[in-house]
């Protein structure tokens, strides 16, 4: 299943926002994402670091939303 994601989005309209978040986090971490979209040459550590930070950021956003605070990122 190379090149295909097995994850399906609950809200497909969020795809572009998640892609933007991925690029922002990679830039913050100093990790260069491939321009052709093929991540097979990236290290597992780099991909995992980006994914972990995306998860952390999404949890923070959800916690703020649940507490009624405005998100600041």
PDB file of N, CA and C in Angstrom:
ATOM      1  N   UNK A   1       0.829  -1.183   0.000  1.00  0.00           N
ATOM      2  CA  UNK A   1       0.000   0.000   0.000  1.00  0.00           C
ATOM      3  C   UNK A   1       0.880   1.255   0.000  1.00  0.00           C
ATOM      4  N   UNK A   2       1.970   1.192  -0.681  1.00  0.00           N
ATOM      5  CA  UNK A   2       2.920   2.306  -0.716  1.00  0.00           C
ATOM      6  C   UNK A   2       2.288   3.540  -1.341  1.00  0.00           C
ATOM      7  N   UNK A   3       2.514   4.675  -0.691  1.00  0.00           N
ATOM      8  CA  UNK A   3       2.022   5.934  -1.234  1.00  0.00           C
ATOM      9  C   UNK A   3       0.583   6.253  -0.888  1.00  0.00           C
ATOM     10  N   UNK A   4      -0.097   5.324  -0.228  1.00  0.00           N
ATOM     11  CA  UNK A   4      -1.491   5.545   0.128  1.00  0.00           C
ATOM     12  C   UNK A   4      -1.638   5.574   1.634  1.00  0.00           C
ATOM     13  N   UNK A   5      -2.467   6.474   2.105  1.00  0.00           N
ATOM     14  CA  UNK A   5      -2.729   6.550   3.538  1.00  0.00           C
ATOM     15  C   UNK A   5      -3.886   5.631   3.882  1.00  0.00           C
ATOM     16  N   UNK A   6      -3.738   4.906   4.957  1.00  0.00           N
ATOM     17  CA  UNK A   6      -4.821   4.036   5.412  1.00  0.00           C
ATOM     18  C   UNK A   6      -5.754   4.774   6.351  1.00  0.00           C
ATOM     19  N   UNK A   7      -5.358   5.969   6.751  1.00  0.00           N
ATOM     20  CA  UNK A   7      -6.182   6.760   7.662  1.00  0.00           C
ATOM     21  C   UNK A   7      -7.218   7.539   6.872  1.00  0.00           C
ATOM     22  N   UNK A   8      -8.437   7.510   7.355  1.00  0.00           N
ATOM     23  CA  UNK A   8      -9.472   8.312   6.728  1.00  0.00           C
ATOM     24  C   UNK A   8      -9.865   9.417   7.701  1.00  0.00           C
ATOM     25  N   UNK A   9     -10.104  10.592   7.179  1.00  0.00           N
ATOM     26  CA  UNK A   9     -10.464  11.728   8.010  1.00  0.00           C
ATOM     27  C   UNK A   9     -11.947  11.683   8.359  1.00  0.00           C
ATOM     28  N   UNK A  10     -12.254  11.987   9.595  1.00  0.00           N
ATOM     29  CA  UNK A  10     -13.644  12.081  10.018  1.00  0.00           C
ATOM     30  C   UNK A  10     -14.274  13.289   9.344  1.00  0.00           C
ATOM     31  N   UNK A  11     -13.496  14.364   9.231  1.00  0.00           N
ATOM     32  CA  UNK A  11     -13.953  15.586   8.567  1.00  0.00           C
ATOM     33  C   UNK A  11     -13.021  15.823   7.372  1.00  0.00           C
ATOM     34  N   UNK A  12     -13.394  15.338   6.184  1.00  0.00           N
ATOM     35  CA  UNK A  12     -12.507  15.458   5.019  1.00  0.00           C
ATOM     36  C   UNK A  12     -12.122  16.906   4.682  1.00  0.00           C
ATOM     37  N   UNK A  13     -12.954  17.867   5.061  1.00  0.00           N
ATOM     38  CA  UNK A  13     -12.656  19.265   4.778  1.00  0.00           C
ATOM     39  C   UNK A  13     -11.446  19.763   5.583  1.00  0.00           C
ATOM     40  N   UNK A  14     -11.011  18.998   6.571  1.00  0.00           N
ATOM     41  CA  UNK A  14      -9.872  19.387   7.409  1.00  0.00           C
ATOM     42  C   UNK A  14      -8.532  19.001   6.779  1.00  0.00           C
ATOM     43  N   UNK A  15      -8.545  18.314   5.671  1.00  0.00           N
ATOM     44  CA  UNK A  15      -7.314  17.818   5.047  1.00  0.00           C
ATOM     45  C   UNK A  15      -6.291  18.927   4.801  1.00  0.00           C
ATOM     46  N   UNK A  16      -6.706  20.028   4.236  1.00  0.00           N
ATOM     47  CA  UNK A  16      -5.766  21.111   3.925  1.00  0.00           C
ATOM     48  C   UNK A  16      -5.190  21.726   5.200  1.00  0.00           C
ATOM     49  N   UNK A  17      -6.010  21.881   6.229  1.00  0.00           N
ATOM     50  CA  UNK A  17      -5.515  22.440   7.500  1.00  0.00           C
ATOM     51  C   UNK A  17      -4.500  21.497   8.130  1.00  0.00           C
ATOM     52  N   UNK A  18      -4.718  20.201   8.058  1.00  0.00           N
ATOM     53  CA  UNK A  18      -3.770  19.237   8.608  1.00  0.00           C
ATOM     54  C   UNK A  18      -2.463  19.222   7.818  1.00  0.00           C
ATOM     55  N   UNK A  19      -2.562  19.348   6.501  1.00  0.00           N
ATOM     56  CA  UNK A  19      -1.347  19.431   5.672  1.00  0.00           C
ATOM     57  C   UNK A  19      -0.545  20.673   6.038  1.00  0.00           C
ATOM     58  N   UNK A  20      -1.230  21.798   6.207  1.00  0.00           N
ATOM     59  CA  UNK A  20      -0.559  23.044   6.579  1.00  0.00           C
ATOM     60  C   UNK A  20       0.107  22.893   7.946  1.00  0.00           C
ATOM     61  N   UNK A  21      -0.585  22.261   8.875  1.00  0.00           N
ATOM     62  CA  UNK A  21      -0.031  22.031  10.212  1.00  0.00           C
ATOM     63  C   UNK A  21       1.226  21.174  10.122  1.00  0.00           C
ATOM     64  N   UNK A  22       1.202  20.157   9.270  1.00  0.00           N
ATOM     65  CA  UNK A  22       2.369  19.289   9.090  1.00  0.00           C
ATOM     66  C   UNK A  22       3.572  20.101   8.604  1.00  0.00           C
ATOM     67  N   UNK A  23       3.368  20.971   7.627  1.00  0.00           N
ATOM     68  CA  UNK A  23       4.465  21.776   7.106  1.00  0.00           C
ATOM     69  C   UNK A  23       4.967  22.786   8.133  1.00  0.00           C
ATOM     70  N   UNK A  24       4.054  23.381   8.887  1.00  0.00           N
ATOM     71  CA  UNK A  24       4.454  24.343   9.921  1.00  0.00           C
ATOM     72  C   UNK A  24       5.301  23.671  10.994  1.00  0.00           C
ATOM     73  N   UNK A  25       4.868  22.508  11.447  1.00  0.00           N
ATOM     74  CA  UNK A  25       5.600  21.809  12.499  1.00  0.00           C
ATOM     75  C   UNK A  25       6.960  21.335  11.992  1.00  0.00           C
ATOM     76  N   UNK A  26       7.008  20.814  10.785  1.00  0.00           N
ATOM     77  CA  UNK A  26       8.291  20.379  10.218  1.00  0.00           C
ATOM     78  C   UNK A  26       9.259  21.564  10.139  1.00  0.00           C
ATOM     79  N   UNK A  27       8.746  22.721   9.735  1.00  0.00           N
ATOM     80  CA  UNK A  27       9.597  23.907   9.648  1.00  0.00           C
ATOM     81  C   UNK A  27      10.088  24.322  11.031  1.00  0.00           C
ATOM     82  N   UNK A  28       9.203  24.301  12.026  1.00  0.00           N
ATOM     83  CA  UNK A  28       9.588  24.649  13.393  1.00  0.00           C
ATOM     84  C   UNK A  28      10.680  23.717  13.913  1.00  0.00           C
ATOM     85  N   UNK A  29      10.613  22.445  13.517  1.00  0.00           N
ATOM     86  CA  UNK A  29      11.573  21.449  13.974  1.00  0.00           C
ATOM     87  C   UNK A  29      12.837  21.411  13.117  1.00  0.00           C
ATOM     88  N   UNK A  30      12.834  22.143  12.013  1.00  0.00           N
ATOM     89  CA  UNK A  30      13.986  22.144  11.121  1.00  0.00           C
ATOM     90  C   UNK A  30      14.101  20.890  10.280  1.00  0.00           C
ATOM     91  N   UNK A  31      12.976  20.241  10.037  1.00  0.00           N
ATOM     92  CA  UNK A  31      12.955  19.019   9.231  1.00  0.00           C
ATOM     93  C   UNK A  31      12.460  19.368   7.834  1.00  0.00           C
ATOM     94  N   UNK A  32      13.230  18.994   6.833  1.00  0.00           N
ATOM     95  CA  UNK A  32      12.882  19.284   5.442  1.00  0.00           C
ATOM     96  C   UNK A  32      11.951  18.198   4.905  1.00  0.00           C
ATOM     97  N   UNK A  33      10.754  18.592   4.484  1.00  0.00           N
ATOM     98  CA  UNK A  33       9.827  17.637   3.877  1.00  0.00           C
ATOM     99  C   UNK A  33      10.114  17.557   2.382  1.00  0.00           C
ATOM    100  N   UNK A  34       9.996  16.370   1.797  1.00  0.00           N
ATOM    101  CA  UNK A  34      10.259  16.214   0.364  1.00  0.00           C
ATOM    102  C   UNK A  34       9.222  16.962  -0.481  1.00  0.00           C
ATOM    103  N   UNK A  35       9.696  17.622  -1.511  1.00  0.00           N
ATOM    104  CA  UNK A  35       8.810  18.387  -2.390  1.00  0.00           C
ATOM    105  C   UNK A  35       7.897  17.491  -3.220  1.00  0.00           C
ATOM    106  N   UNK A  36       8.347  16.269  -3.510  1.00  0.00           N
ATOM    107  CA  UNK A  36       7.544  15.379  -4.351  1.00  0.00           C
ATOM    108  C   UNK A  36       6.468  14.612  -3.578  1.00  0.00           C
ATOM    109  N   UNK A  37       6.433  14.782  -2.234  1.00  0.00           N
ATOM    110  CA  UNK A  37       5.412  14.131  -1.431  1.00  0.00           C
ATOM    111  C   UNK A  37       5.734  12.697  -1.054  1.00  0.00           C
ATOM    112  N   UNK A  38       6.892  12.187  -1.474  1.00  0.00           N
ATOM    113  CA  UNK A  38       7.289  10.820  -1.140  1.00  0.00           C
ATOM    114  C   UNK A  38       8.110  10.850   0.143  1.00  0.00           C
ATOM    115  N   UNK A  39       7.579  10.249   1.199  1.00  0.00           N
ATOM    116  CA  UNK A  39       8.225  10.288   2.506  1.00  0.00           C
ATOM    117  C   UNK A  39       9.072   9.049   2.785  1.00  0.00           C
ATOM    118  N   UNK A  40       9.214   8.157   1.813  1.00  0.00           N
ATOM    119  CA  UNK A  40       9.946   6.909   1.993  1.00  0.00           C
ATOM    120  C   UNK A  40      11.418   7.079   2.301  1.00  0.00           C
ATOM    121  N   UNK A  41      11.992   8.213   1.937  1.00  0.00           N
ATOM    122  CA  UNK A  41      13.412   8.443   2.197  1.00  0.00           C
ATOM    123  C   UNK A  41      13.661   9.188   3.500  1.00  0.00           C
ATOM    124  N   UNK A  42      12.599   9.530   4.209  1.00  0.00           N
ATOM    125  CA  UNK A  42      12.756  10.213   5.496  1.00  0.00           C
ATOM    126  C   UNK A  42      12.984   9.178   6.598  1.00  0.00           C
ATOM    127  N   UNK A  43      13.668   9.593   7.650  1.00  0.00           N
ATOM    128  CA  UNK A  43      13.891   8.667   8.755  1.00  0.00           C
ATOM    129  C   UNK A  43      12.600   8.505   9.559  1.00  0.00           C
ATOM    130  N   UNK A  44      12.480   7.330  10.162  1.00  0.00           N
ATOM    131  CA  UNK A  44      11.325   7.054  11.004  1.00  0.00           C
ATOM    132  C   UNK A  44      11.270   8.049  12.159  1.00  0.00           C
ATOM    133  N   UNK A  45      12.422   8.403  12.679  1.00  0.00           N
ATOM    134  CA  UNK A  45      12.491   9.348  13.792  1.00  0.00           C
ATOM    135  C   UNK A  45      11.896  10.706  13.389  1.00  0.00           C
ATOM    136  N   UNK A  46      12.276  11.221  12.204  1.00  0.00           N
ATOM    137  CA  UNK A  46      11.762  12.522  11.761  1.00  0.00           C
ATOM    138  C   UNK A  46      10.253  12.488  11.540  1.00  0.00           C
ATOM    139  N   UNK A  47       9.783  11.453  10.862  1.00  0.00           N
ATOM    140  CA  UNK A  47       8.344  11.334  10.592  1.00  0.00           C
ATOM    141  C   UNK A  47       7.578  11.193  11.907  1.00  0.00           C
ATOM    142  N   UNK A  48       8.111  10.404  12.831  1.00  0.00           N
ATOM    143  CA  UNK A  48       7.460  10.225  14.128  1.00  0.00           C
ATOM    144  C   UNK A  48       7.453  11.494  14.951  1.00  0.00           C
ATOM    145  N   UNK A  49       8.539  12.261  14.869  1.00  0.00           N
ATOM    146  CA  UNK A  49       8.608  13.533  15.591  1.00  0.00           C
ATOM    147  C   UNK A  49       7.556  14.504  15.072  1.00  0.00           C
ATOM    148  N   UNK A  50       7.412  14.569  13.771  1.00  0.00           N
ATOM    149  CA  UNK A  50       6.397  15.450  13.183  1.00  0.00           C
ATOM    150  C   UNK A  50       5.002  14.982  13.606  1.00  0.00           C
ATOM    151  N   UNK A  51       4.732  13.685  13.479  1.00  0.00           N
ATOM    152  CA  UNK A  51       3.424  13.146  13.856  1.00  0.00           C
ATOM    153  C   UNK A  51       3.112  13.347  15.328  1.00  0.00           C
ATOM    154  N   UNK A  52       4.086  13.147  16.176  1.00  0.00           N
ATOM    155  CA  UNK A  52       3.890  13.354  17.606  1.00  0.00           C
ATOM    156  C   UNK A  52       3.574  14.794  17.942  1.00  0.00           C
ATOM    157  N   UNK A  53       4.252  15.712  17.264  1.00  0.00           N
ATOM    158  CA  UNK A  53       3.994  17.131  17.507  1.00  0.00           C
ATOM    159  C   UNK A  53       2.639  17.562  16.952  1.00  0.00           C
ATOM    160  N   UNK A  54       2.220  16.969  15.845  1.00  0.00           N
ATOM    161  CA  UNK A  54       0.881  17.254  15.323  1.00  0.00           C
ATOM    162  C   UNK A  54      -0.154  16.811  16.353  1.00  0.00           C
ATOM    163  N   UNK A  55       0.016  15.597  16.889  1.00  0.00           N
ATOM    164  CA  UNK A  55      -0.922  15.086  17.887  1.00  0.00           C
ATOM    165  C   UNK A  55      -0.946  15.983  19.115  1.00  0.00           C
ATOM    166  N   UNK A  56       0.229  16.378  19.585  1.00  0.00           N
ATOM    167  CA  UNK A  56       0.320  17.255  20.756  1.00  0.00           C
ATOM    168  C   UNK A  56      -0.428  18.568  20.507  1.00  0.00           C
ATOM    169  N   UNK A  57      -0.222  19.147  19.332  1.00  0.00           N
ATOM    170  CA  UNK A  57      -0.868  20.419  18.991  1.00  0.00           C
ATOM    171  C   UNK A  57      -2.378  20.262  18.902  1.00  0.00           C
ATOM    172  N   UNK A  58      -2.858  19.160  18.298  1.00  0.00           N
ATOM    173  CA  UNK A  58      -4.299  18.941  18.177  1.00  0.00           C
ATOM    174  C   UNK A  58      -4.945  18.726  19.541  1.00  0.00           C
ATOM    175  N   UNK A  59      -4.253  18.024  20.446  1.00  0.00           N
ATOM    176  CA  UNK A  59      -4.774  17.828  21.796  1.00  0.00           C
ATOM    177  C   UNK A  59      -4.852  19.171  22.520  1.00  0.00           C
ATOM    178  N   UNK A  60      -3.835  20.007  22.378  1.00  0.00           N
ATOM    179  CA  UNK A  60      -3.858  21.332  23.001  1.00  0.00           C
ATOM    180  C   UNK A  60      -5.033  22.162  22.485  1.00  0.00           C
ATOM    181  N   UNK A  61      -5.245  22.121  21.169  1.00  0.00           N
ATOM    182  CA  UNK A  61      -6.364  22.861  20.584  1.00  0.00           C
ATOM    183  C   UNK A  61      -7.696  22.365  21.128  1.00  0.00           C
ATOM    184  N   UNK A  62      -7.848  21.050  21.226  1.00  0.00           N
ATOM    185  CA  UNK A  62      -9.095  20.477  21.738  1.00  0.00           C
ATOM    186  C   UNK A  62      -9.308  20.843  23.204  1.00  0.00           C
ATOM    187  N   UNK A  63      -8.239  20.786  24.002  1.00  0.00           N
ATOM    188  CA  UNK A  63      -8.360  21.152  25.417  1.00  0.00           C
ATOM    189  C   UNK A  63      -8.769  22.611  25.574  1.00  0.00           C
ATOM    190  N   UNK A  64      -8.173  23.475  24.779  1.00  0.00           N
ATOM    191  CA  UNK A  64      -8.525  24.891  24.843  1.00  0.00           C
ATOM    192  C   UNK A  64      -9.965  25.118  24.413  1.00  0.00           C
ATOM    193  N   UNK A  65     -10.377  24.415  23.381  1.00  0.00           N
ATOM    194  CA  UNK A  65     -11.748  24.559  22.899  1.00  0.00           C
ATOM    195  C   UNK A  65     -12.738  24.069  23.956  1.00  0.00           C
ATOM    196  N   UNK A  66     -12.424  22.968  24.602  1.00  0.00           N
ATOM    197  CA  UNK A  66     -13.308  22.437  25.631  1.00  0.00           C
ATOM    198  C   UNK A  66     -13.374  23.347  26.856  1.00  0.00           C
ATOM    199  N   UNK A  67     -12.284  24.026  27.139  1.00  0.00           N
ATOM    200  CA  UNK A  67     -12.263  24.909  28.322  1.00  0.00           C
ATOM    201  C   UNK A  67     -12.786  26.298  27.995  1.00  0.00           C
ATOM    202  N   UNK A  68     -13.080  26.562  26.726  1.00  0.00           N
ATOM    203  CA  UNK A  68     -13.620  27.860  26.338  1.00  0.00           C
ATOM    204  C   UNK A  68     -12.576  28.925  26.091  1.00  0.00           C
ATOM    205  N   UNK A  69     -11.302  28.559  26.083  1.00  0.00           N
ATOM    206  CA  UNK A  69     -10.240  29.509  25.795  1.00  0.00           C
ATOM    207  C   UNK A  69     -10.040  29.619  24.298  1.00  0.00           C
ATOM    208  N   UNK A  70      -9.457  30.719  23.867  1.00  0.00           N
ATOM    209  CA  UNK A  70      -9.140  30.866  22.451  1.00  0.00           C
ATOM    210  C   UNK A  70      -7.783  30.227  22.187  1.00  0.00           C
ATOM    211  N   UNK A  71      -7.652  29.616  21.029  1.00  0.00           N
ATOM    212  CA  UNK A  71      -6.393  28.967  20.654  1.00  0.00           C
ATOM    213  C   UNK A  71      -5.380  30.009  20.195  1.00  0.00           C
ATOM    214  N   UNK A  72      -4.145  29.843  20.655  1.00  0.00           N
ATOM    215  CA  UNK A  72      -3.085  30.776  20.267  1.00  0.00           C
ATOM    216  C   UNK A  72      -1.902  30.007  19.744  1.00  0.00           C
ATOM    217  N   UNK A  73      -1.846  29.811  18.410  1.00  0.00           N
ATOM    218  CA  UNK A  73      -0.703  29.123  17.793  1.00  0.00           C
ATOM    219  C   UNK A  73      -0.251  29.867  16.597  1.00  0.00           C
TER     220      UNK A  73
END
